[in-house]
Amino acid sequence: MQKKYFKYYISILLGAVIAIYANANEEQNLLLLIGGIMILMYGVFNLQASIPSKKEKESFVESESNNEEE
């Protein structure tokens, strides 16, 4: 696994743990929750951006021209 992918996976895990911890207490810490979600979304966005798009097949049908006059 490359280092940049490892960084993104760690940020996803860390952001999720922080967000769950901030939400688990009786008195929710809103700033900690927002920070955890931001770290989580940073990891998800960058990991998703590094995945190449699926190559589409060139699937088109060439229509036959009918030159018959009616």
N, C-alpha and C. Protein backbone atom coordinates (compact mmCIF):
# COMPACT_ATOMS: atom_id res chain seq x y z
N MET A 1 0.85 -1.17 0.00
CA MET A 1 0.00 0.00 0.00
C MET A 1 0.90 1.24 0.00
N GLN A 2 0.56 2.20 -0.82
CA GLN A 2 1.37 3.40 -0.90
C GLN A 2 1.14 4.29 0.32
N LYS A 3 2.09 5.18 0.58
CA LYS A 3 2.01 6.02 1.76
C LYS A 3 0.82 6.97 1.72
N LYS A 4 0.49 7.52 0.55
CA LYS A 4 -0.63 8.46 0.51
C LYS A 4 -1.95 7.74 0.78
N TYR A 5 -2.10 6.51 0.30
CA TYR A 5 -3.31 5.77 0.60
C TYR A 5 -3.39 5.45 2.09
N PHE A 6 -2.25 5.14 2.67
CA PHE A 6 -2.21 4.85 4.11
C PHE A 6 -2.64 6.07 4.90
N LYS A 7 -2.21 7.25 4.47
CA LYS A 7 -2.57 8.49 5.15
C LYS A 7 -4.09 8.71 5.07
N TYR A 8 -4.69 8.40 3.95
CA TYR A 8 -6.13 8.60 3.79
C TYR A 8 -6.93 7.61 4.65
N TYR A 9 -6.46 6.36 4.70
CA TYR A 9 -7.14 5.37 5.53
C TYR A 9 -7.04 5.74 7.02
N ILE A 10 -5.88 6.24 7.42
CA ILE A 10 -5.70 6.65 8.82
C ILE A 10 -6.60 7.84 9.14
N SER A 11 -6.72 8.80 8.22
CA SER A 11 -7.58 9.95 8.47
C SER A 11 -9.05 9.54 8.54
N ILE A 12 -9.46 8.56 7.75
CA ILE A 12 -10.84 8.07 7.82
C ILE A 12 -11.08 7.42 9.18
N LEU A 13 -10.16 6.58 9.59
CA LEU A 13 -10.31 5.89 10.88
C LEU A 13 -10.27 6.88 12.04
N LEU A 14 -9.33 7.81 12.01
CA LEU A 14 -9.20 8.80 13.08
C LEU A 14 -10.43 9.71 13.14
N GLY A 15 -10.91 10.15 12.00
CA GLY A 15 -12.10 11.00 11.97
C GLY A 15 -13.33 10.29 12.49
N ALA A 16 -13.48 9.01 12.15
CA ALA A 16 -14.63 8.25 12.65
C ALA A 16 -14.56 8.05 14.16
N VAL A 17 -13.36 7.77 14.67
CA VAL A 17 -13.20 7.57 16.12
C VAL A 17 -13.49 8.87 16.86
N ILE A 18 -12.99 9.99 16.35
CA ILE A 18 -13.23 11.28 17.00
C ILE A 18 -14.72 11.63 16.97
N ALA A 19 -15.37 11.42 15.84
CA ALA A 19 -16.80 11.73 15.73
C ALA A 19 -17.63 10.85 16.65
N ILE A 20 -17.30 9.57 16.76
CA ILE A 20 -18.05 8.68 17.66
C ILE A 20 -17.80 9.06 19.11
N TYR A 21 -16.55 9.38 19.44
CA TYR A 21 -16.23 9.79 20.81
C TYR A 21 -16.96 11.07 21.18
N ALA A 22 -17.01 12.04 20.28
CA ALA A 22 -17.68 13.31 20.56
C ALA A 22 -19.18 13.11 20.72
N ASN A 23 -19.74 12.15 20.05
CA ASN A 23 -21.18 11.90 20.11
C ASN A 23 -21.56 10.97 21.25
N ALA A 24 -20.61 10.23 21.82
CA ALA A 24 -20.93 9.22 22.84
C ALA A 24 -21.14 9.81 24.23
N ASN A 25 -20.53 10.94 24.50
CA ASN A 25 -20.67 11.53 25.83
C ASN A 25 -22.08 12.06 26.05
N GLU A 26 -22.45 12.22 27.33
CA GLU A 26 -23.77 12.77 27.63
C GLU A 26 -23.89 14.19 27.10
N GLU A 27 -22.84 14.97 27.31
CA GLU A 27 -22.82 16.33 26.80
C GLU A 27 -21.99 16.32 25.52
N GLN A 28 -22.65 16.45 24.39
CA GLN A 28 -21.97 16.33 23.11
C GLN A 28 -21.10 17.56 22.85
N ASN A 29 -19.87 17.32 22.44
CA ASN A 29 -18.97 18.40 22.09
C ASN A 29 -19.11 18.64 20.59
N LEU A 30 -19.77 19.72 20.23
CA LEU A 30 -20.10 19.99 18.83
C LEU A 30 -18.86 20.26 17.99
N LEU A 31 -17.91 21.02 18.54
CA LEU A 31 -16.70 21.34 17.78
C LEU A 31 -15.86 20.09 17.51
N LEU A 32 -15.79 19.20 18.49
CA LEU A 32 -15.06 17.96 18.31
C LEU A 32 -15.75 17.07 17.27
N LEU A 33 -17.07 17.05 17.29
CA LEU A 33 -17.84 16.28 16.32
C LEU A 33 -17.62 16.81 14.90
N ILE A 34 -17.67 18.12 14.75
CA ILE A 34 -17.45 18.72 13.43
C ILE A 34 -16.02 18.47 12.95
N GLY A 35 -15.06 18.56 13.85
CA GLY A 35 -13.67 18.28 13.48
C GLY A 35 -13.48 16.84 13.04
N GLY A 36 -14.10 15.91 13.75
CA GLY A 36 -14.01 14.51 13.37
C GLY A 36 -14.63 14.23 12.01
N ILE A 37 -15.77 14.85 11.76
CA ILE A 37 -16.42 14.66 10.46
C ILE A 37 -15.59 15.28 9.34
N MET A 38 -14.94 16.42 9.62
CA MET A 38 -14.09 17.05 8.60
C MET A 38 -12.88 16.17 8.26
N ILE A 39 -12.27 15.58 9.27
CA ILE A 39 -11.14 14.67 9.03
C ILE A 39 -11.60 13.44 8.26
N LEU A 40 -12.75 12.91 8.62
CA LEU A 40 -13.32 11.76 7.94
C LEU A 40 -13.60 12.07 6.47
N MET A 41 -14.22 13.21 6.20
CA MET A 41 -14.54 13.59 4.83
C MET A 41 -13.28 13.90 4.02
N TYR A 42 -12.24 14.43 4.65
CA TYR A 42 -10.97 14.67 3.97
C TYR A 42 -10.40 13.35 3.45
N GLY A 43 -10.40 12.34 4.30
CA GLY A 43 -9.88 11.03 3.90
C GLY A 43 -10.71 10.38 2.82
N VAL A 44 -12.02 10.45 2.95
CA VAL A 44 -12.91 9.83 1.97
C VAL A 44 -12.78 10.52 0.62
N PHE A 45 -12.77 11.86 0.63
CA PHE A 45 -12.69 12.60 -0.62
C PHE A 45 -11.38 12.32 -1.35
N ASN A 46 -10.27 12.37 -0.64
CA ASN A 46 -8.98 12.17 -1.28
C ASN A 46 -8.78 10.73 -1.73
N LEU A 47 -9.30 9.78 -0.99
CA LEU A 47 -9.20 8.39 -1.40
C LEU A 47 -10.04 8.14 -2.65
N GLN A 48 -11.22 8.73 -2.68
CA GLN A 48 -12.10 8.58 -3.84
C GLN A 48 -11.49 9.26 -5.06
N ALA A 49 -10.84 10.39 -4.86
CA ALA A 49 -10.25 11.12 -5.99
C ALA A 49 -9.07 10.37 -6.59
N SER A 50 -8.43 9.52 -5.81
CA SER A 50 -7.26 8.81 -6.31
C SER A 50 -7.63 7.52 -7.06
N ILE A 51 -8.88 7.13 -7.00
CA ILE A 51 -9.33 5.93 -7.71
C ILE A 51 -9.65 6.32 -9.15
N PRO A 52 -9.04 5.67 -10.14
CA PRO A 52 -9.32 6.04 -11.53
C PRO A 52 -10.73 5.65 -11.93
N SER A 53 -11.29 6.42 -12.85
CA SER A 53 -12.64 6.12 -13.30
C SER A 53 -12.63 4.87 -14.17
N LYS A 54 -13.77 4.23 -14.25
CA LYS A 54 -13.90 3.01 -15.04
C LYS A 54 -13.87 3.36 -16.52
N LYS A 55 -13.03 2.65 -17.26
CA LYS A 55 -12.92 2.92 -18.68
C LYS A 55 -14.15 2.38 -19.39
N GLU A 56 -14.80 3.27 -20.11
CA GLU A 56 -16.02 2.87 -20.81
C GLU A 56 -15.66 2.19 -22.13
N LYS A 57 -16.44 1.20 -22.44
CA LYS A 57 -16.25 0.51 -23.72
C LYS A 57 -16.88 1.35 -24.82
N GLU A 58 -16.27 1.28 -25.98
CA GLU A 58 -16.85 1.98 -27.11
C GLU A 58 -17.94 1.10 -27.70
N SER A 59 -19.14 1.27 -27.20
CA SER A 59 -20.24 0.42 -27.65
C SER A 59 -21.27 1.29 -28.36
N PHE A 60 -21.09 1.39 -29.61
CA PHE A 60 -22.08 2.10 -30.42
C PHE A 60 -22.42 1.23 -31.62
N VAL A 61 -23.59 1.41 -32.07
CA VAL A 61 -24.07 0.62 -33.19
C VAL A 61 -24.10 1.52 -34.41
N GLU A 62 -23.39 1.09 -35.44
CA GLU A 62 -23.43 1.84 -36.69
C GLU A 62 -24.68 1.42 -37.45
N SER A 63 -25.50 2.38 -37.72
CA SER A 63 -26.74 2.04 -38.42
C SER A 63 -26.47 1.94 -39.91
N GLU A 64 -27.16 1.01 -40.52
CA GLU A 64 -27.03 0.83 -41.96
C GLU A 64 -27.99 1.80 -42.64
N SER A 65 -27.48 2.49 -43.60
CA SER A 65 -28.34 3.46 -44.29
C SER A 65 -29.12 2.74 -45.40
N ASN A 66 -30.37 2.98 -45.44
CA ASN A 66 -31.22 2.42 -46.49
C ASN A 66 -31.43 3.48 -47.55
N ASN A 67 -30.85 3.26 -48.68
CA ASN A 67 -30.97 4.24 -49.77
C ASN A 67 -32.12 3.87 -50.71
N GLU A 68 -33.09 3.19 -50.22
CA GLU A 68 -34.23 2.79 -51.06
C GLU A 68 -35.21 3.93 -51.07
N GLU A 69 -35.60 4.32 -52.22
CA GLU A 69 -36.59 5.38 -52.35
C GLU A 69 -37.96 4.73 -52.53
N GLU A 70 -38.90 5.32 -51.88
CA GLU A 70 -40.25 4.76 -51.97
C GLU A 70 -41.13 5.63 -52.79
